Protein backbone atom coordinates (compact mmCIF):
# COMPACT_ATOMS: atom_id res chain seq x y z
CA MET A 1 -7.88 22.45 -24.76
CA MET A 2 -4.27 22.41 -26.58
CA LEU A 3 -3.10 24.82 -23.33
CA ALA A 4 -4.53 21.83 -21.50
CA ASP A 5 -2.61 19.60 -23.37
CA ARG A 6 0.92 22.25 -22.82
CA GLY A 7 0.44 21.79 -19.21
CA TRP A 8 0.79 18.18 -19.10
CA LEU A 9 4.05 18.73 -20.98
CA PRO A 10 6.40 19.71 -17.18
CA ALA A 11 4.40 17.12 -15.17
CA CYS A 12 6.00 14.47 -17.93
CA ALA A 13 9.07 15.41 -18.57
CA LEU A 14 9.45 15.54 -14.52
CA MET A 15 8.43 11.94 -13.91
CA LEU A 16 10.42 10.66 -16.63
CA LEU A 17 13.81 12.74 -14.82
CA LEU A 18 12.81 11.01 -11.93
CA GLY A 19 12.41 7.73 -13.18
CA GLY A 20 15.70 7.97 -14.41
CA CYS A 21 16.82 8.68 -11.40
CA MET A 22 15.66 5.54 -9.68
CA VAL A 23 17.31 3.22 -12.06
CA ALA A 24 20.05 1.29 -10.01
CA LYS A 25 22.84 2.30 -11.22
CA GLN A 26 25.98 -1.16 -12.58
CA PRO A 27 29.17 -0.26 -12.47
CA ALA A 28 30.28 -0.73 -16.10
CA PRO A 29 32.95 -3.64 -17.60
CA VAL A 30 36.25 -2.59 -17.37
CA VAL A 31 37.38 -2.93 -21.39
CA GLN A 32 41.18 -3.22 -22.20
CA ARG A 33 42.34 -3.24 -25.72
CA THR A 34 45.19 -4.58 -26.05
CA PRO A 35 47.37 -3.52 -29.02
CA GLU A 36 48.60 -6.23 -31.63
CA ALA A 37 52.50 -5.66 -30.84
CA ALA A 38 51.81 -6.09 -26.93
CA ARG A 39 49.49 -9.34 -27.05
CA PRO A 40 51.67 -12.56 -26.21
CA SER A 41 52.21 -14.74 -29.47
CA ALA A 42 51.87 -18.64 -28.45
CA ALA A 43 56.08 -18.44 -29.57
CA LYS A 44 56.29 -16.66 -26.66
CA ALA A 45 54.04 -18.20 -24.11
CA LYS A 46 56.03 -21.54 -24.92
CA PRO A 47 59.44 -22.63 -22.86
CA SER A 48 62.54 -22.63 -24.26
CA LEU A 49 63.50 -25.59 -25.98
CA PRO A 50 66.64 -27.71 -24.50
CA ALA A 51 70.23 -26.41 -25.40
CA SER A 52 71.02 -29.19 -27.48
CA ARG A 53 67.54 -28.07 -29.95
CA ALA A 54 69.02 -24.46 -30.48
CA THR A 55 72.25 -24.81 -32.24
CA GLY A 56 70.95 -26.65 -35.74
CA ASP A 57 70.65 -30.25 -34.08
CA THR A 58 68.60 -31.89 -36.67
CA ARG A 59 68.67 -35.20 -35.03
CA PRO A 60 64.91 -36.85 -35.07
CA ASP A 61 62.89 -37.00 -32.00
CA THR A 62 61.86 -40.66 -32.69
CA TYR A 63 63.43 -43.83 -34.10
CA THR A 64 61.75 -47.22 -35.30
CA VAL A 65 63.55 -49.96 -34.36
CA LYS A 66 65.00 -52.30 -36.78
CA ARG A 67 65.72 -56.23 -36.91
CA GLY A 68 69.52 -56.39 -35.22
CA ASP A 69 69.20 -53.00 -33.47
CA THR A 70 70.40 -52.50 -29.85
CA LEU A 71 69.64 -49.93 -27.52
CA TYR A 72 73.12 -49.15 -27.10
CA GLY A 73 74.07 -48.38 -31.17
CA ILE A 74 70.35 -46.85 -31.14
CA ALA A 75 71.88 -44.41 -28.65
CA LEU A 76 75.55 -44.35 -30.24
CA ASP A 77 74.04 -43.36 -33.55
CA HIS A 78 72.28 -40.31 -32.31
CA GLY A 79 75.16 -39.53 -29.28
CA HIS A 80 73.37 -40.28 -26.48
CA ASP A 81 73.85 -42.26 -23.11
CA TYR A 82 71.88 -45.51 -23.42
CA ARG A 83 70.22 -44.94 -20.31
CA ASP A 84 68.75 -41.87 -21.37
CA ILE A 85 67.04 -43.44 -24.17
CA ALA A 86 65.46 -46.18 -21.62
CA ARG A 87 64.32 -43.22 -19.38
CA TRP A 88 62.57 -41.31 -21.62
CA ASN A 89 61.20 -44.49 -22.65
CA ASN A 90 60.17 -46.25 -19.48
CA LEU A 91 62.29 -49.14 -20.25
CA ALA A 92 63.34 -51.18 -17.38
CA ASN A 93 65.20 -53.93 -19.46
CA PRO A 94 67.68 -52.45 -22.24
CA ASN A 95 67.10 -55.59 -23.84
CA ALA A 96 63.74 -55.35 -24.13
CA ILE A 97 63.29 -53.70 -27.80
CA GLU A 98 61.36 -55.13 -30.18
CA VAL A 99 61.12 -54.78 -34.18
CA GLY A 100 58.57 -51.48 -35.08
CA GLN A 101 58.83 -50.12 -31.61
CA VAL A 102 58.81 -45.98 -31.89
CA LEU A 103 61.76 -45.14 -29.54
CA ARG A 104 61.87 -41.67 -28.40
CA VAL A 105 65.59 -40.86 -29.18
CA ARG A 106 65.56 -36.72 -28.03
CA GLU A 107 64.81 -35.40 -24.70
CA PRO A 108 61.23 -34.83 -24.22
CA ARG A 109 60.29 -31.14 -24.78
CA PRO A 110 59.31 -29.38 -21.76
CA GLU A 111 55.51 -29.31 -21.10
CA VAL A 112 53.67 -26.42 -22.36
CA ALA A 113 51.67 -24.59 -19.92
CA ALA A 114 48.19 -24.05 -20.31
CA ALA A 115 47.15 -21.24 -22.30
CA GLN A 116 44.11 -18.42 -22.48
CA PRO A 117 41.99 -19.04 -25.83
CA ASP A 118 43.22 -16.28 -28.08
CA SER A 119 41.03 -15.37 -30.93
CA GLY A 120 44.84 -14.61 -32.95
CA GLU A 121 43.06 -11.44 -34.43
CA PRO A 122 44.91 -8.22 -33.91
CA GLY A 123 43.58 -5.62 -31.23
CA SER A 124 41.14 -7.99 -30.02
CA VAL A 125 38.84 -6.99 -26.83
CA VAL A 126 39.98 -8.63 -23.81
CA THR A 127 36.67 -7.78 -21.19
CA ILE A 128 37.92 -8.31 -17.72
CA PRO A 129 34.78 -8.19 -15.16
CA PHE A 130 34.61 -5.04 -12.98
CA GLU A 131 36.09 -6.18 -9.24
CA ALA A 132 36.17 -3.12 -6.40
CA ALA A 133 39.16 -2.93 -4.77
CA PRO A 134 39.68 -4.60 -1.93
CA PRO A 135 39.99 -2.02 1.73
CA VAL A 136 43.07 -0.95 2.37
CA GLN A 137 43.68 -0.52 6.18
CA GLY A 138 45.34 2.78 7.07
CA ARG A 139 47.75 3.73 10.46
CA GLU A 140 49.00 6.91 11.41
CA VAL A 141 51.94 8.06 9.59
CA GLY A 142 55.05 6.82 11.51
CA ALA A 143 53.05 4.12 13.65
CA SER A 144 54.18 0.75 13.74
CA ALA A 145 53.24 -2.30 10.68
CA GLN A 146 53.09 -4.65 13.83
CA SER A 147 50.07 -6.38 14.06
CA PRO A 148 48.11 -5.55 17.11
CA GLY A 149 48.52 -8.40 19.72
CA VAL A 150 51.95 -9.77 18.09
CA ALA A 151 55.03 -8.80 20.31
CA SER A 152 57.94 -7.26 18.78
CA PRO A 153 61.03 -9.13 18.23
CA ASN A 154 63.08 -7.25 19.93
CA ALA A 155 60.65 -6.68 22.97
CA GLY A 156 62.64 -7.77 26.23
CA VAL A 157 66.24 -7.31 24.53
CA ILE A 158 68.29 -5.36 26.74
CA SER A 159 69.97 -2.03 25.13
CA THR A 160 72.04 -0.59 27.93
CA PRO A 161 74.15 0.01 29.32
CA GLN A 162 74.99 2.95 26.58
CA ALA A 163 78.42 4.14 25.54
CA ILE A 164 78.64 8.16 26.07
CA LYS A 165 80.89 10.16 24.26
CA LEU A 166 82.70 13.04 26.66
CA PRO A 167 85.11 15.71 25.47
CA TYR A 168 88.21 14.89 25.88
CA SER A 169 89.77 16.55 29.07
CA ASP A 170 92.44 15.99 31.97
CA SER A 171 89.72 15.17 34.70
CA ALA A 172 87.72 12.74 32.11
CA LEU A 173 91.02 10.98 31.23
CA ALA A 174 91.45 10.25 35.21
CA LYS A 175 88.13 9.49 35.73
CA LEU A 176 88.18 6.73 32.79
CA ARG A 177 91.57 5.28 33.99
CA SER A 178 90.20 5.00 38.19
CA ALA A 179 86.77 2.86 36.45
CA PRO A 180 85.93 -0.41 37.14
CA ALA A 181 87.98 -2.71 35.49
CA ASP A 182 83.97 -4.25 34.35
CA SER A 183 82.56 -0.95 33.54
CA ALA A 184 81.42 -0.95 30.17
CA ALA A 185 83.59 2.14 29.48
CA THR A 186 86.63 0.18 29.90
CA ALA A 187 85.66 -2.85 28.66
CA ALA A 188 88.30 -4.46 26.27
CA VAL A 189 86.64 -4.26 22.98
CA PRO A 190 87.40 -7.29 20.92
CA PRO A 191 89.69 -6.50 17.95
CA ALA A 192 88.24 -6.49 14.46
CA LYS A 193 88.64 -9.58 12.25
CA PRO A 194 90.75 -9.55 9.74
CA GLU A 195 89.49 -8.92 6.67
CA VAL A 196 89.67 -12.57 4.82
CA ALA A 197 89.44 -12.36 0.61
CA SER A 198 87.16 -14.44 -0.26
CA PRO A 199 88.33 -17.32 -2.92
CA LYS A 200 87.56 -16.39 -6.81
CA PRO A 201 85.14 -18.21 -8.16
CA GLU A 202 86.54 -21.12 -10.13
CA THR A 203 86.52 -20.25 -14.13
CA ALA A 204 83.29 -22.11 -15.37
CA PRO A 205 83.34 -25.37 -17.64
CA ALA A 206 82.43 -24.65 -21.12
CA SER A 207 79.11 -24.49 -22.53
CA GLU A 208 77.68 -28.46 -23.09
CA GLU A 209 76.98 -26.71 -26.69
CA ALA A 210 80.03 -25.43 -26.92
CA ASP A 211 82.38 -27.39 -29.69
CA GLY A 212 85.58 -26.43 -28.17
CA VAL A 213 86.57 -30.05 -27.16
CA ALA A 214 90.17 -30.10 -26.67
CA TRP A 215 91.39 -33.44 -28.48
CA ALA A 216 94.18 -35.47 -28.07
CA TRP A 217 95.49 -38.85 -29.99
CA PRO A 218 94.50 -42.07 -27.99
CA THR A 219 97.27 -44.20 -28.18
CA LYS A 220 100.41 -44.57 -30.17
CA GLY A 221 100.75 -46.71 -33.46
CA LYS A 222 100.69 -46.30 -36.77
CA VAL A 223 96.92 -45.61 -38.96
CA VAL A 224 95.71 -48.91 -41.09
CA ALA A 225 92.62 -47.55 -42.04
CA ASN A 226 91.51 -43.53 -42.21
CA PHE A 227 87.81 -42.47 -41.83
CA ASN A 228 85.81 -43.08 -44.97
CA GLU A 229 82.07 -42.27 -45.01
CA ASN A 230 81.35 -43.96 -47.99
CA GLY A 231 80.88 -47.32 -46.58
CA GLY A 232 84.67 -47.80 -45.22
CA PRO A 233 85.57 -47.32 -41.40
CA LYS A 234 83.74 -44.60 -39.39
CA GLY A 235 87.06 -43.72 -37.66
CA LEU A 236 91.01 -44.47 -37.30
CA GLN A 237 92.22 -47.94 -37.55
CA ILE A 238 95.74 -47.50 -35.45
CA SER A 239 97.61 -50.44 -34.65
CA GLY A 240 99.76 -51.27 -31.80
CA GLU A 241 100.91 -54.01 -29.29
CA MET A 242 98.40 -56.05 -27.04
CA GLY A 243 98.45 -54.07 -24.12
CA GLN A 244 98.96 -50.96 -25.47
CA ALA A 245 97.66 -48.29 -23.11
CA ILE A 246 94.06 -46.79 -24.83
CA LEU A 247 94.08 -43.25 -23.36
CA ALA A 248 90.83 -40.80 -22.85
CA SER A 249 90.67 -38.12 -26.24
CA ALA A 250 89.17 -35.38 -24.09
CA GLY A 251 87.46 -35.46 -21.04
CA GLY A 252 84.29 -36.86 -20.09
CA ARG A 253 82.10 -39.32 -18.90
CA VAL A 254 82.12 -42.75 -19.66
CA VAL A 255 78.24 -43.18 -20.75
CA TYR A 256 79.01 -47.45 -22.20
CA THR A 257 81.54 -50.03 -21.41
CA GLY A 258 80.69 -53.59 -22.76
CA SER A 259 80.28 -56.16 -26.10
CA GLY A 260 76.55 -55.02 -26.83
CA LEU A 261 77.82 -53.69 -30.03
CA ARG A 262 78.60 -56.07 -32.72
CA GLY A 263 81.84 -55.53 -34.62
CA TYR A 264 83.61 -53.42 -31.93
CA GLY A 265 84.41 -56.42 -29.38
CA ASN A 266 85.08 -54.31 -26.22
CA LEU A 267 83.98 -50.64 -26.26
CA VAL A 268 84.27 -48.28 -24.39
CA ILE A 269 82.45 -44.56 -25.26
CA ILE A 270 82.76 -41.09 -23.55
CA LYS A 271 80.48 -38.50 -23.97
CA HIS A 272 82.18 -34.98 -23.73
CA ASN A 273 79.12 -32.33 -24.06
CA ASN A 274 75.45 -32.69 -25.93
CA THR A 275 77.49 -32.54 -28.97
CA TYR A 276 80.09 -35.06 -29.18
CA LEU A 277 80.71 -38.85 -28.36
CA SER A 278 83.83 -40.54 -29.16
CA ALA A 279 84.28 -44.44 -28.77
CA TYR A 280 87.13 -47.11 -28.67
CA ALA A 281 87.04 -50.12 -29.84
CA HIS A 282 88.49 -53.84 -29.63
CA ASN A 283 89.65 -53.17 -26.18
CA ARG A 284 91.63 -56.45 -24.44
CA SER A 285 90.59 -54.91 -20.89
CA VAL A 286 88.33 -52.44 -20.11
CA LEU A 287 89.45 -50.25 -16.73
CA VAL A 288 86.92 -47.90 -16.43
CA LYS A 289 82.66 -48.58 -15.70
CA GLN A 290 80.28 -46.90 -16.56
CA GLY A 291 79.25 -43.13 -14.79
CA ASP A 292 83.08 -42.78 -14.21
CA THR A 293 84.25 -39.57 -15.00
CA VAL A 294 87.46 -39.20 -16.84
CA ALA A 295 90.48 -36.38 -17.78
CA ARG A 296 92.09 -36.18 -20.76
CA GLY A 297 95.13 -38.93 -21.26
CA GLN A 298 93.21 -41.04 -18.52
CA LYS A 299 94.35 -44.74 -18.98
CA ILE A 300 90.53 -46.09 -19.68
CA ALA A 301 91.67 -49.18 -21.58
CA GLU A 302 94.45 -51.94 -23.00
CA MET A 303 94.51 -52.32 -26.69
CA GLY A 304 93.15 -56.12 -27.90
CA SER A 305 91.58 -57.58 -31.06
CA SER A 306 88.22 -58.91 -29.94
CA ASP A 307 85.78 -58.84 -32.14
CA ALA A 308 88.89 -57.88 -34.60
CA SER A 309 91.13 -59.63 -37.19
CA ARG A 310 94.29 -57.72 -35.59
CA VAL A 311 95.85 -56.20 -32.73
CA MET A 312 94.20 -52.53 -33.39
CA LEU A 313 92.37 -49.44 -31.92
CA HIS A 314 88.88 -48.60 -33.80
CA PHE A 315 88.66 -45.27 -32.57
CA GLU A 316 85.76 -42.52 -33.50
CA ILE A 317 84.27 -39.59 -32.93
CA ARG A 318 80.43 -38.73 -33.28
CA ARG A 319 78.92 -35.16 -33.57
CA LEU A 320 75.29 -35.44 -32.69
CA GLY A 321 75.43 -39.04 -33.11
CA LYS A 322 77.23 -38.90 -36.81
CA PRO A 323 80.68 -40.22 -37.46
CA VAL A 324 83.21 -37.48 -38.44
CA ASP A 325 86.88 -37.72 -39.45
CA PRO A 326 88.98 -37.79 -36.47
CA THR A 327 91.88 -36.07 -37.93
CA LYS A 328 89.99 -33.14 -38.26
CA PHE A 329 90.05 -32.57 -34.63
CA LEU A 330 93.04 -34.24 -33.22
CA PRO A 331 96.28 -32.30 -32.85
CA PRO A 332 98.97 -33.06 -35.77
CA ALA A 333 100.51 -36.57 -35.43
């Protein structure tokens, strides 16, 4: 009986082996284990911020409108063109702001692309389903990669006559001289065009974030009031004659002209870069308009007494919207 049982053992083993061979083989999933150092972090997935955010700029992103505010004053206090703030907030009318309204006063951040969900755990396992590689269509070595049935772009191009180089001899020289005038051998070779030196690229302007702005005095006269951050003037007050020339203290773009800021009279604001603005107040007349590009020393207005008790220029320099002492930037008087 035990011998009979032992006779079945090889048969059972053979059946199990055949049964295992009949199981359909499935490709195993590819498992990619990414080291923690190589995994993209959330900070790397975000696009870079605007340049103005990369220099310690602490201006807020939003501002809540208070009683008496105007969009022009808000823009000046935050160092921006009021039209930019209007665009960021979809304001068709710059005067249509309300108390309590929250305005964006910084350039909107770039939209962050939707990132794949990440557990954030180091050494996490990412399973990639197996996918067969597409078949590669081979061709004979040296064969053209041109698709069949598509004419070559050089088809029909005449490539003759071709020049033939002959060794020098008296007979070859005589033959060359006796060749017809229209022969390819004697065809006049057009002179090579002289090489023209390419113009040197113009020097790139300074970075908009650079603090190196070349300043100059905006007018001549006596300083009757200095900058005082403790409740005094936010700039310099320079006395002079009615109609005296007011000059741009530095090159830039005119971002405001008008009398919409109370206490400034006829005002001109110039944006020099993303860091600096300059303001020229109490003018009798303004000679530039919004959007104009001006150079340092260019006449932009005439001195007056609009919204002031005397003829003078009120001059401000603002860094990131905050008034700073102009004497720290202007050359010695």
